[in-house]
């Protein structure tokens, strides 16, 4: 086992969840010094300790120990994609794999006829969203500007301001969001994915 790669993986997952060393140590029921040594690649953890760290991070143990040789490619099969049915009848599917330390997400969303998905808060400066509409009509509001987008239309906006999504038509609307969100993720974000 490559201890340095393992340590980087654990540290990346911890930071992605916006956890301090102490918080993860408490959740994993291991000492801060042990966790710190593992993250720096200085100590080989036992399987029990690794299992506790994986539980504290909310990931399967295999995600820590069964790392591919080439970290440049991570495949997420269709069957493994998370689909969430939101209140109001809209649905989102997180298409992208989770990559520790990378706050990029690609999401497919379907809004039923007349659905208002709600208003979303501004993200930190440097956040970006790209949207491409597959079918139907999407009403996008960014700050105080509203635009209707039809099938085939796309748009970019700086996600540093409040924004909202709605389907004003009597047909379903499906669109994709590619988002780079410049903020640390919380444990809830990591478990649920981006909210589009």
N, C-alpha and C. Protein backbone atom coordinates (compact mmCIF):
# COMPACT_ATOMS: atom_id res chain seq x y z
N UNK A 1 0.84 -1.19 0.00
CA UNK A 1 0.00 0.00 0.00
C UNK A 1 0.88 1.25 0.00
N UNK A 2 0.54 2.19 -0.87
CA UNK A 2 1.26 3.47 -0.94
C UNK A 2 0.72 4.36 0.18
N UNK A 3 1.49 4.50 1.27
CA UNK A 3 1.01 5.24 2.44
C UNK A 3 0.82 6.72 2.16
N UNK A 4 1.67 7.28 1.31
CA UNK A 4 1.54 8.71 0.97
C UNK A 4 0.25 8.94 0.19
N UNK A 5 -0.04 8.07 -0.80
CA UNK A 5 -1.27 8.20 -1.59
C UNK A 5 -2.50 8.00 -0.72
N UNK A 6 -2.42 7.03 0.21
CA UNK A 6 -3.53 6.80 1.14
C UNK A 6 -3.77 8.03 2.00
N UNK A 7 -2.70 8.60 2.52
CA UNK A 7 -2.82 9.79 3.36
C UNK A 7 -3.42 10.96 2.61
N UNK A 8 -2.98 11.15 1.36
CA UNK A 8 -3.54 12.24 0.54
C UNK A 8 -5.03 12.02 0.28
N UNK A 9 -5.39 10.76 0.02
CA UNK A 9 -6.79 10.43 -0.21
C UNK A 9 -7.64 10.77 1.01
N UNK A 10 -7.20 10.35 2.19
CA UNK A 10 -7.95 10.61 3.42
C UNK A 10 -8.03 12.11 3.68
N UNK A 11 -6.91 12.80 3.53
CA UNK A 11 -6.90 14.24 3.76
C UNK A 11 -7.82 14.97 2.79
N UNK A 12 -7.81 14.55 1.51
CA UNK A 12 -8.68 15.17 0.51
C UNK A 12 -10.14 14.97 0.83
N UNK A 13 -10.50 13.75 1.23
CA UNK A 13 -11.89 13.46 1.59
C UNK A 13 -12.30 14.25 2.84
N UNK A 14 -11.39 14.35 3.79
CA UNK A 14 -11.69 15.12 5.01
C UNK A 14 -11.93 16.59 4.70
N UNK A 15 -11.04 17.17 3.90
CA UNK A 15 -11.18 18.58 3.56
C UNK A 15 -12.42 18.83 2.70
N UNK A 16 -12.72 17.87 1.83
CA UNK A 16 -13.90 17.98 0.98
C UNK A 16 -15.17 18.04 1.82
N UNK A 17 -15.13 17.44 3.00
CA UNK A 17 -16.28 17.44 3.90
C UNK A 17 -16.19 18.56 4.94
N UNK A 18 -15.17 19.41 4.80
CA UNK A 18 -14.98 20.55 5.70
C UNK A 18 -14.84 20.10 7.15
N UNK A 19 -14.07 19.02 7.36
CA UNK A 19 -13.83 18.50 8.71
C UNK A 19 -12.42 18.83 9.17
N UNK A 20 -12.27 19.19 10.43
CA UNK A 20 -10.94 19.35 11.01
C UNK A 20 -10.41 17.96 11.36
N UNK A 21 -9.11 17.90 11.65
CA UNK A 21 -8.52 16.64 12.12
C UNK A 21 -9.26 16.15 13.37
N UNK A 22 -9.53 17.06 14.29
CA UNK A 22 -10.20 16.69 15.54
C UNK A 22 -11.60 16.14 15.26
N UNK A 23 -12.34 16.79 14.37
CA UNK A 23 -13.70 16.33 14.07
C UNK A 23 -13.70 14.93 13.46
N UNK A 24 -12.78 14.68 12.51
CA UNK A 24 -12.73 13.36 11.91
C UNK A 24 -12.25 12.33 12.93
N UNK A 25 -11.26 12.71 13.74
CA UNK A 25 -10.77 11.79 14.77
C UNK A 25 -11.90 11.39 15.72
N UNK A 26 -12.71 12.36 16.13
CA UNK A 26 -13.84 12.07 17.01
C UNK A 26 -14.85 11.15 16.32
N UNK A 27 -15.17 11.46 15.06
CA UNK A 27 -16.16 10.65 14.32
C UNK A 27 -15.65 9.23 14.08
N UNK A 28 -14.33 9.10 13.87
CA UNK A 28 -13.73 7.80 13.58
C UNK A 28 -13.30 7.04 14.83
N UNK A 29 -13.34 7.72 15.97
CA UNK A 29 -12.91 7.12 17.23
C UNK A 29 -11.46 6.66 17.17
N UNK A 30 -10.60 7.53 16.60
CA UNK A 30 -9.15 7.32 16.61
C UNK A 30 -8.51 8.59 17.15
N UNK A 31 -7.26 8.50 17.57
CA UNK A 31 -6.60 9.68 18.12
C UNK A 31 -6.22 10.65 17.01
N UNK A 32 -6.13 11.92 17.37
CA UNK A 32 -5.72 12.95 16.41
C UNK A 32 -4.30 12.66 15.92
N UNK A 33 -3.42 12.22 16.82
CA UNK A 33 -2.04 11.96 16.42
C UNK A 33 -1.97 10.80 15.42
N UNK A 34 -2.78 9.76 15.62
CA UNK A 34 -2.81 8.63 14.68
C UNK A 34 -3.32 9.12 13.32
N UNK A 35 -4.41 9.86 13.33
CA UNK A 35 -4.98 10.35 12.07
C UNK A 35 -4.00 11.25 11.34
N UNK A 36 -3.35 12.13 12.07
CA UNK A 36 -2.37 13.03 11.47
C UNK A 36 -1.22 12.25 10.84
N UNK A 37 -0.73 11.23 11.54
CA UNK A 37 0.37 10.40 11.02
C UNK A 37 -0.05 9.65 9.76
N UNK A 38 -1.29 9.16 9.74
CA UNK A 38 -1.80 8.45 8.56
C UNK A 38 -1.91 9.42 7.38
N UNK A 39 -2.45 10.61 7.63
CA UNK A 39 -2.60 11.59 6.55
C UNK A 39 -1.24 12.01 5.96
N UNK A 40 -0.21 12.04 6.79
CA UNK A 40 1.12 12.42 6.30
C UNK A 40 1.89 11.25 5.70
N UNK A 41 1.26 10.05 5.72
CA UNK A 41 1.90 8.87 5.15
C UNK A 41 3.03 8.33 6.01
N UNK A 42 3.02 8.68 7.30
CA UNK A 42 4.10 8.28 8.19
C UNK A 42 3.80 7.01 8.98
N UNK A 43 2.53 6.60 9.00
CA UNK A 43 2.16 5.42 9.78
C UNK A 43 1.20 4.56 8.97
N UNK A 44 1.42 3.25 9.00
CA UNK A 44 0.53 2.31 8.31
C UNK A 44 -0.60 1.95 9.27
N UNK A 45 -1.84 2.34 8.95
CA UNK A 45 -2.95 2.03 9.84
C UNK A 45 -3.36 0.56 9.73
N UNK A 46 -3.91 0.03 10.81
CA UNK A 46 -4.46 -1.33 10.76
C UNK A 46 -5.78 -1.27 9.98
N UNK A 47 -6.29 -2.43 9.61
CA UNK A 47 -7.58 -2.49 8.91
C UNK A 47 -8.69 -1.92 9.79
N UNK A 48 -8.62 -2.17 11.09
CA UNK A 48 -9.62 -1.64 12.01
C UNK A 48 -9.61 -0.12 12.01
N UNK A 49 -8.41 0.47 12.09
CA UNK A 49 -8.30 1.92 12.08
C UNK A 49 -8.79 2.49 10.75
N UNK A 50 -8.41 1.86 9.64
CA UNK A 50 -8.88 2.32 8.33
C UNK A 50 -10.39 2.24 8.22
N UNK A 51 -10.98 1.17 8.73
CA UNK A 51 -12.44 1.02 8.69
C UNK A 51 -13.11 2.13 9.50
N UNK A 52 -12.51 2.48 10.65
CA UNK A 52 -13.06 3.57 11.47
C UNK A 52 -12.96 4.91 10.74
N UNK A 53 -11.83 5.15 10.07
CA UNK A 53 -11.66 6.40 9.32
C UNK A 53 -12.66 6.46 8.17
N UNK A 54 -12.84 5.34 7.48
CA UNK A 54 -13.82 5.30 6.38
C UNK A 54 -15.22 5.60 6.90
N UNK A 55 -15.58 5.01 8.05
CA UNK A 55 -16.89 5.28 8.66
C UNK A 55 -17.02 6.76 9.02
N UNK A 56 -15.95 7.32 9.59
CA UNK A 56 -15.97 8.74 9.96
C UNK A 56 -16.15 9.65 8.75
N UNK A 57 -15.62 9.23 7.61
CA UNK A 57 -15.75 10.00 6.37
C UNK A 57 -17.05 9.70 5.63
N UNK A 58 -17.71 8.60 6.03
CA UNK A 58 -18.95 8.21 5.35
C UNK A 58 -18.72 7.59 3.99
N UNK A 59 -17.60 6.87 3.83
CA UNK A 59 -17.29 6.20 2.57
C UNK A 59 -17.01 4.73 2.83
N UNK A 60 -17.18 3.88 1.82
CA UNK A 60 -16.82 2.47 2.00
C UNK A 60 -15.32 2.32 2.20
N UNK A 61 -14.92 1.34 2.97
CA UNK A 61 -13.50 1.07 3.19
C UNK A 61 -12.77 0.88 1.87
N UNK A 62 -13.42 0.23 0.91
CA UNK A 62 -12.79 -0.04 -0.39
C UNK A 62 -12.36 1.25 -1.09
N UNK A 63 -13.07 2.35 -0.83
CA UNK A 63 -12.71 3.62 -1.47
C UNK A 63 -11.35 4.13 -1.00
N UNK A 64 -10.94 3.72 0.21
CA UNK A 64 -9.64 4.13 0.73
C UNK A 64 -8.52 3.19 0.29
N UNK A 65 -8.80 1.89 0.26
CA UNK A 65 -7.72 0.93 0.02
C UNK A 65 -7.64 0.42 -1.40
N UNK A 66 -8.73 0.47 -2.14
CA UNK A 66 -8.74 -0.06 -3.50
C UNK A 66 -8.64 1.09 -4.49
N UNK A 67 -7.58 1.85 -4.39
CA UNK A 67 -7.38 3.01 -5.25
C UNK A 67 -6.75 2.57 -6.57
N UNK A 68 -7.25 3.06 -7.71
CA UNK A 68 -6.64 2.69 -8.98
C UNK A 68 -5.24 3.27 -9.09
N UNK A 69 -4.40 2.60 -9.86
CA UNK A 69 -3.04 3.07 -10.08
C UNK A 69 -3.04 4.45 -10.73
N UNK A 70 -3.96 4.65 -11.66
CA UNK A 70 -4.00 5.91 -12.40
C UNK A 70 -5.16 6.73 -11.86
N UNK A 71 -4.85 7.76 -11.06
CA UNK A 71 -5.87 8.58 -10.44
C UNK A 71 -6.45 9.61 -11.41
N UNK A 72 -5.98 9.60 -12.65
CA UNK A 72 -6.49 10.57 -13.62
C UNK A 72 -7.85 10.19 -14.18
N UNK A 73 -8.31 8.98 -13.93
CA UNK A 73 -9.61 8.56 -14.45
C UNK A 73 -10.43 7.90 -13.34
N UNK A 74 -11.64 8.42 -13.14
CA UNK A 74 -12.58 7.84 -12.19
C UNK A 74 -13.88 7.62 -12.93
N UNK A 75 -14.32 6.39 -13.03
CA UNK A 75 -15.54 6.05 -13.76
C UNK A 75 -16.70 5.96 -12.77
N UNK A 76 -17.81 6.57 -13.14
CA UNK A 76 -19.04 6.43 -12.35
C UNK A 76 -20.11 5.86 -13.27
N UNK A 77 -20.45 4.61 -13.04
CA UNK A 77 -21.45 3.93 -13.87
C UNK A 77 -22.84 4.51 -13.62
N UNK A 78 -23.69 4.39 -14.62
CA UNK A 78 -25.05 4.93 -14.52
C UNK A 78 -25.77 4.39 -13.29
N UNK A 79 -25.57 3.12 -12.99
CA UNK A 79 -26.24 2.51 -11.84
C UNK A 79 -25.78 3.10 -10.52
N UNK A 80 -24.59 3.73 -10.50
CA UNK A 80 -24.04 4.30 -9.27
C UNK A 80 -24.35 5.79 -9.10
N UNK A 81 -25.02 6.39 -10.09
CA UNK A 81 -25.33 7.81 -10.00
C UNK A 81 -26.46 8.04 -9.00
N UNK A 82 -26.33 9.10 -8.23
CA UNK A 82 -27.33 9.41 -7.21
C UNK A 82 -28.46 10.23 -7.82
N UNK A 83 -29.69 9.74 -7.68
CA UNK A 83 -30.87 10.47 -8.13
C UNK A 83 -31.68 10.85 -6.91
N UNK A 84 -32.07 12.12 -6.83
CA UNK A 84 -32.81 12.62 -5.68
C UNK A 84 -34.11 13.23 -6.16
N UNK A 85 -35.22 12.80 -5.58
CA UNK A 85 -36.53 13.40 -5.85
C UNK A 85 -36.77 14.48 -4.82
N UNK A 86 -36.90 15.72 -5.31
CA UNK A 86 -37.04 16.87 -4.43
C UNK A 86 -38.52 17.21 -4.20
N UNK A 87 -38.82 17.92 -3.10
CA UNK A 87 -40.19 18.40 -2.89
C UNK A 87 -40.62 19.26 -4.09
N UNK A 88 -41.86 19.12 -4.49
CA UNK A 88 -42.33 19.86 -5.66
C UNK A 88 -42.28 19.02 -6.92
N UNK A 89 -41.74 17.80 -6.81
CA UNK A 89 -41.77 16.88 -7.95
C UNK A 89 -40.60 16.94 -8.89
N UNK A 90 -39.60 17.78 -8.61
CA UNK A 90 -38.46 17.82 -9.52
C UNK A 90 -37.41 16.82 -9.09
N UNK A 91 -36.58 16.43 -10.06
CA UNK A 91 -35.61 15.37 -9.84
C UNK A 91 -34.25 15.80 -10.36
N UNK A 92 -33.20 15.44 -9.61
CA UNK A 92 -31.84 15.73 -10.05
C UNK A 92 -30.99 14.47 -9.93
N UNK A 93 -30.08 14.31 -10.88
CA UNK A 93 -29.16 13.18 -10.89
C UNK A 93 -27.74 13.72 -10.94
N UNK A 94 -26.92 13.35 -9.96
CA UNK A 94 -25.52 13.79 -9.93
C UNK A 94 -24.74 12.83 -10.83
N UNK A 95 -24.25 13.35 -11.95
CA UNK A 95 -23.59 12.52 -12.96
C UNK A 95 -22.11 12.32 -12.68
N UNK A 96 -21.46 13.28 -12.05
CA UNK A 96 -20.02 13.23 -11.88
C UNK A 96 -19.59 12.39 -10.69
N UNK A 97 -18.43 11.73 -10.80
CA UNK A 97 -17.85 11.07 -9.64
C UNK A 97 -17.42 12.12 -8.62
N UNK A 98 -17.35 11.72 -7.35
CA UNK A 98 -16.81 12.60 -6.31
C UNK A 98 -15.30 12.52 -6.37
N UNK A 99 -14.64 13.67 -6.54
CA UNK A 99 -13.19 13.73 -6.59
C UNK A 99 -12.73 14.59 -5.41
N UNK A 100 -12.02 14.00 -4.46
CA UNK A 100 -11.59 14.77 -3.30
C UNK A 100 -10.86 16.05 -3.69
N UNK A 101 -11.27 17.15 -3.06
CA UNK A 101 -10.61 18.42 -3.30
C UNK A 101 -11.08 19.16 -4.54
N UNK A 102 -12.01 18.58 -5.32
CA UNK A 102 -12.51 19.23 -6.53
C UNK A 102 -13.99 19.54 -6.34
N UNK A 103 -14.34 20.80 -6.36
CA UNK A 103 -15.73 21.22 -6.14
C UNK A 103 -16.47 21.42 -7.46
N UNK A 104 -16.31 20.48 -8.39
CA UNK A 104 -17.01 20.53 -9.67
C UNK A 104 -18.08 19.47 -9.68
N UNK A 105 -19.27 19.83 -10.16
CA UNK A 105 -20.36 18.87 -10.28
C UNK A 105 -21.07 19.06 -11.61
N UNK A 106 -21.56 17.95 -12.14
CA UNK A 106 -22.36 17.96 -13.36
C UNK A 106 -23.65 17.23 -13.03
N UNK A 107 -24.77 17.94 -13.18
CA UNK A 107 -26.05 17.43 -12.71
C UNK A 107 -27.09 17.53 -13.82
N UNK A 108 -27.92 16.49 -13.93
CA UNK A 108 -29.08 16.53 -14.84
C UNK A 108 -30.32 16.72 -13.98
N UNK A 109 -31.14 17.71 -14.34
CA UNK A 109 -32.34 18.02 -13.56
C UNK A 109 -33.56 17.99 -14.48
N UNK A 110 -34.66 17.45 -13.97
CA UNK A 110 -35.93 17.49 -14.69
C UNK A 110 -36.96 18.18 -13.81
N UNK A 111 -37.57 19.23 -14.36
CA UNK A 111 -38.63 19.96 -13.67
C UNK A 111 -39.95 19.61 -14.34
N UNK A 112 -40.96 19.18 -13.58
CA UNK A 112 -42.26 18.92 -14.18
C UNK A 112 -42.93 20.23 -14.61
N UNK A 113 -44.01 20.16 -15.39
CA UNK A 113 -44.69 21.38 -15.85
C UNK A 113 -45.06 22.28 -14.68
N UNK A 114 -44.79 23.57 -14.83
CA UNK A 114 -45.17 24.56 -13.83
C UNK A 114 -44.38 24.51 -12.53
N UNK A 115 -43.31 23.76 -12.48
CA UNK A 115 -42.54 23.59 -11.24
C UNK A 115 -41.57 24.75 -11.00
N UNK A 116 -41.53 25.22 -9.77
CA UNK A 116 -40.55 26.22 -9.34
C UNK A 116 -39.59 25.52 -8.39
N UNK A 117 -38.34 25.37 -8.78
CA UNK A 117 -37.35 24.66 -7.96
C UNK A 117 -36.85 25.52 -6.80
N UNK A 118 -37.19 26.79 -6.80
CA UNK A 118 -36.80 27.66 -5.70
C UNK A 118 -35.58 28.51 -6.00
N UNK A 119 -35.25 29.31 -4.99
CA UNK A 119 -34.14 30.25 -5.09
C UNK A 119 -32.95 29.68 -4.33
N UNK A 120 -31.77 29.80 -4.91
CA UNK A 120 -30.55 29.28 -4.31
C UNK A 120 -29.63 30.43 -3.93
N UNK A 121 -28.89 30.30 -2.83
CA UNK A 121 -28.06 31.41 -2.35
C UNK A 121 -26.84 31.64 -3.23
N UNK A 122 -26.28 32.81 -3.09
CA UNK A 122 -25.02 33.12 -3.77
C UNK A 122 -23.91 32.24 -3.22
N UNK A 123 -23.01 31.82 -4.10
CA UNK A 123 -21.83 31.08 -3.67
C UNK A 123 -20.65 32.04 -3.55
N UNK A 124 -19.54 31.53 -3.09
CA UNK A 124 -18.35 32.35 -2.88
C UNK A 124 -17.84 32.91 -4.20
N UNK A 125 -17.15 34.05 -4.17
CA UNK A 125 -16.57 34.61 -5.39
C UNK A 125 -15.72 33.57 -6.11
N UNK A 126 -15.81 33.59 -7.44
CA UNK A 126 -15.07 32.63 -8.25
C UNK A 126 -15.88 31.39 -8.61
N UNK A 127 -17.15 31.32 -8.15
CA UNK A 127 -18.03 30.20 -8.48
C UNK A 127 -18.67 30.43 -9.84
N UNK A 128 -18.84 29.34 -10.61
CA UNK A 128 -19.36 29.44 -11.97
C UNK A 128 -20.40 28.35 -12.22
N UNK A 129 -21.40 28.65 -13.05
CA UNK A 129 -22.35 27.64 -13.50
C UNK A 129 -22.57 27.78 -15.00
N UNK A 130 -22.63 26.62 -15.66
CA UNK A 130 -22.97 26.55 -17.07
C UNK A 130 -24.23 25.69 -17.15
N UNK A 131 -25.20 26.11 -17.97
CA UNK A 131 -26.45 25.37 -18.10
C UNK A 131 -26.72 25.10 -19.57
N UNK A 132 -27.17 23.89 -19.88
CA UNK A 132 -27.60 23.53 -21.24
C UNK A 132 -28.95 22.86 -21.12
N UNK A 133 -29.93 23.36 -21.88
CA UNK A 133 -31.30 22.84 -21.83
C UNK A 133 -31.46 21.74 -22.87
N UNK A 134 -31.89 20.57 -22.41
CA UNK A 134 -32.14 19.44 -23.32
C UNK A 134 -33.53 19.51 -23.93
N UNK A 135 -34.53 19.77 -23.09
CA UNK A 135 -35.91 19.80 -23.58
C UNK A 135 -36.74 20.73 -22.72
N UNK A 136 -37.81 21.26 -23.31
CA UNK A 136 -38.71 22.14 -22.57
C UNK A 136 -38.16 23.55 -22.45
N UNK A 137 -38.71 24.29 -21.49
CA UNK A 137 -38.32 25.68 -21.27
C UNK A 137 -37.88 25.85 -19.82
N UNK A 138 -36.72 26.45 -19.63
CA UNK A 138 -36.20 26.75 -18.30
C UNK A 138 -36.22 28.25 -18.09
N UNK A 139 -36.82 28.69 -17.01
CA UNK A 139 -36.78 30.11 -16.63
C UNK A 139 -35.70 30.27 -15.56
N UNK A 140 -34.62 30.94 -15.94
CA UNK A 140 -33.48 31.14 -15.05
C UNK A 140 -33.47 32.59 -14.58
N UNK A 141 -33.37 32.78 -13.27
CA UNK A 141 -33.24 34.12 -12.71
C UNK A 141 -31.89 34.20 -12.01
N UNK A 142 -31.09 35.18 -12.41
CA UNK A 142 -29.77 35.41 -11.81
C UNK A 142 -29.79 36.84 -11.29
N UNK A 143 -29.70 37.00 -9.97
CA UNK A 143 -29.86 38.30 -9.31
C UNK A 143 -31.23 38.85 -9.71
N UNK A 144 -31.29 39.98 -10.43
CA UNK A 144 -32.58 40.56 -10.81
C UNK A 144 -32.89 40.40 -12.30
N UNK A 145 -32.15 39.54 -12.98
CA UNK A 145 -32.36 39.33 -14.42
C UNK A 145 -32.96 37.94 -14.66
N UNK A 146 -34.00 37.87 -15.48
CA UNK A 146 -34.66 36.60 -15.80
C UNK A 146 -34.61 36.36 -17.29
N UNK A 147 -34.33 35.10 -17.67
CA UNK A 147 -34.27 34.73 -19.08
C UNK A 147 -34.92 33.36 -19.25
N UNK A 148 -35.68 33.18 -20.34
CA UNK A 148 -36.24 31.87 -20.67
C UNK A 148 -35.33 31.20 -21.68
N UNK A 149 -34.98 29.94 -21.40
CA UNK A 149 -34.10 29.16 -22.27
C UNK A 149 -34.87 27.96 -22.81
N UNK A 150 -34.76 27.73 -24.11
CA UNK A 150 -35.45 26.62 -24.74
C UNK A 150 -34.45 25.51 -25.08
N UNK A 151 -34.98 24.37 -25.56
CA UNK A 151 -34.14 23.22 -25.90
C UNK A 151 -33.01 23.65 -26.83
N UNK A 152 -31.79 23.27 -26.48
CA UNK A 152 -30.62 23.61 -27.28
C UNK A 152 -29.91 24.87 -26.81
N UNK A 153 -30.60 25.71 -26.00
CA UNK A 153 -29.97 26.94 -25.49
C UNK A 153 -29.02 26.60 -24.34
N UNK A 154 -28.02 27.45 -24.16
CA UNK A 154 -27.10 27.30 -23.04
C UNK A 154 -26.76 28.68 -22.49
N UNK A 155 -26.26 28.70 -21.28
CA UNK A 155 -25.93 29.96 -20.63
C UNK A 155 -24.82 29.73 -19.61
N UNK A 156 -24.06 30.78 -19.37
CA UNK A 156 -23.07 30.81 -18.29
C UNK A 156 -23.45 31.95 -17.36
N UNK A 157 -23.24 31.75 -16.05
CA UNK A 157 -23.34 32.89 -15.14
C UNK A 157 -22.39 32.71 -13.96
N UNK A 158 -21.92 33.83 -13.44
CA UNK A 158 -21.11 33.81 -12.23
C UNK A 158 -22.07 33.57 -11.07
N UNK A 159 -21.86 32.47 -10.34
CA UNK A 159 -22.81 32.05 -9.31
C UNK A 159 -22.55 32.74 -7.97
N UNK A 160 -22.12 33.99 -8.04
CA UNK A 160 -21.81 34.78 -6.84
C UNK A 160 -23.01 35.57 -6.36
N UNK A 161 -24.17 35.32 -6.99
CA UNK A 161 -25.41 36.02 -6.64
C UNK A 161 -26.52 34.98 -6.50
N UNK A 162 -27.61 35.33 -5.80
CA UNK A 162 -28.74 34.39 -5.72
C UNK A 162 -29.27 34.06 -7.12
N UNK A 163 -29.75 32.83 -7.29
CA UNK A 163 -30.26 32.41 -8.60
C UNK A 163 -31.40 31.42 -8.40
N UNK A 164 -32.26 31.32 -9.42
CA UNK A 164 -33.46 30.48 -9.29
C UNK A 164 -33.77 29.80 -10.61
N UNK A 165 -34.44 28.63 -10.48
CA UNK A 165 -34.81 27.82 -11.64
C UNK A 165 -36.30 27.52 -11.58
N UNK A 166 -36.99 27.63 -12.73
CA UNK A 166 -38.41 27.30 -12.79
C UNK A 166 -38.75 26.82 -14.20
N UNK A 167 -39.84 26.07 -14.29
CA UNK A 167 -40.37 25.63 -15.58
C UNK A 167 -41.74 26.28 -15.76
N UNK A 168 -41.82 27.34 -16.59
CA UNK A 168 -43.09 28.05 -16.75
C UNK A 168 -44.05 27.38 -17.73
N UNK A 169 -43.61 26.32 -18.38
CA UNK A 169 -44.40 25.72 -19.46
C UNK A 169 -45.26 24.57 -18.97
N UNK A 170 -46.07 24.01 -19.90
CA UNK A 170 -46.93 22.88 -19.57
C UNK A 170 -46.31 21.55 -20.01
N UNK A 171 -44.99 21.54 -20.27
CA UNK A 171 -44.25 20.32 -20.62
C UNK A 171 -43.05 20.20 -19.68
N UNK A 172 -42.56 18.99 -19.44
CA UNK A 172 -41.37 18.83 -18.60
C UNK A 172 -40.16 19.54 -19.20
N UNK A 173 -39.25 19.96 -18.34
CA UNK A 173 -38.00 20.60 -18.77
C UNK A 173 -36.83 19.81 -18.18
N UNK A 174 -35.90 19.42 -19.06
CA UNK A 174 -34.69 18.74 -18.60
C UNK A 174 -33.48 19.57 -19.00
N UNK A 175 -32.59 19.79 -18.05
CA UNK A 175 -31.40 20.60 -18.32
C UNK A 175 -30.21 20.06 -17.53
N UNK A 176 -29.01 20.45 -17.96
CA UNK A 176 -27.77 20.05 -17.28
C UNK A 176 -27.12 21.28 -16.67
N UNK A 177 -26.57 21.10 -15.47
CA UNK A 177 -25.80 22.15 -14.81
C UNK A 177 -24.38 21.63 -14.59
N UNK A 178 -23.40 22.37 -15.06
CA UNK A 178 -21.99 22.11 -14.75
C UNK A 178 -21.57 23.24 -13.82
N UNK A 179 -21.19 22.88 -12.60
CA UNK A 179 -20.93 23.91 -11.58
C UNK A 179 -19.56 23.74 -10.96
N UNK A 180 -18.87 24.86 -10.83
CA UNK A 180 -17.62 24.92 -10.07
C UNK A 180 -17.90 25.84 -8.90
N UNK A 181 -18.05 25.26 -7.72
CA UNK A 181 -18.45 26.01 -6.54
C UNK A 181 -17.24 26.21 -5.63
N UNK A 182 -16.86 27.45 -5.47
CA UNK A 182 -15.67 27.78 -4.67
C UNK A 182 -16.04 27.94 -3.20
N UNK A 183 -16.24 26.81 -2.57
CA UNK A 183 -16.54 26.78 -1.14
C UNK A 183 -16.23 25.39 -0.63
N UNK A 184 -15.88 25.26 0.65
CA UNK A 184 -15.70 23.91 1.19
C UNK A 184 -17.06 23.26 1.33
N UNK A 185 -17.13 21.97 1.07
CA UNK A 185 -18.38 21.24 1.21
C UNK A 185 -18.58 20.84 2.66
N UNK A 186 -19.83 20.80 3.06
CA UNK A 186 -20.16 20.28 4.39
C UNK A 186 -20.44 18.80 4.26
N UNK A 187 -20.60 18.12 5.38
CA UNK A 187 -20.92 16.69 5.33
C UNK A 187 -22.23 16.47 4.60
N UNK A 188 -23.22 17.37 4.80
CA UNK A 188 -24.52 17.22 4.15
C UNK A 188 -24.38 17.34 2.65
N UNK A 189 -23.61 18.32 2.17
CA UNK A 189 -23.40 18.48 0.73
C UNK A 189 -22.81 17.22 0.12
N UNK A 190 -21.81 16.68 0.79
CA UNK A 190 -21.13 15.51 0.25
C UNK A 190 -22.07 14.32 0.16
N UNK A 191 -22.94 14.19 1.15
CA UNK A 191 -23.87 13.06 1.15
C UNK A 191 -24.98 13.24 0.13
N UNK A 192 -25.45 14.50 -0.06
CA UNK A 192 -26.61 14.73 -0.91
C UNK A 192 -26.23 15.21 -2.30
N UNK A 193 -25.04 15.75 -2.48
CA UNK A 193 -24.66 16.30 -3.76
C UNK A 193 -25.16 17.71 -3.92
N UNK A 194 -24.90 18.33 -5.03
CA UNK A 194 -25.34 19.68 -5.33
C UNK A 194 -26.85 19.72 -5.44
N UNK A 195 -27.46 20.85 -5.15
CA UNK A 195 -28.90 20.88 -4.98
C UNK A 195 -29.70 21.19 -6.24
N UNK A 196 -29.09 21.23 -7.42
CA UNK A 196 -29.84 21.57 -8.63
C UNK A 196 -30.63 20.38 -9.12
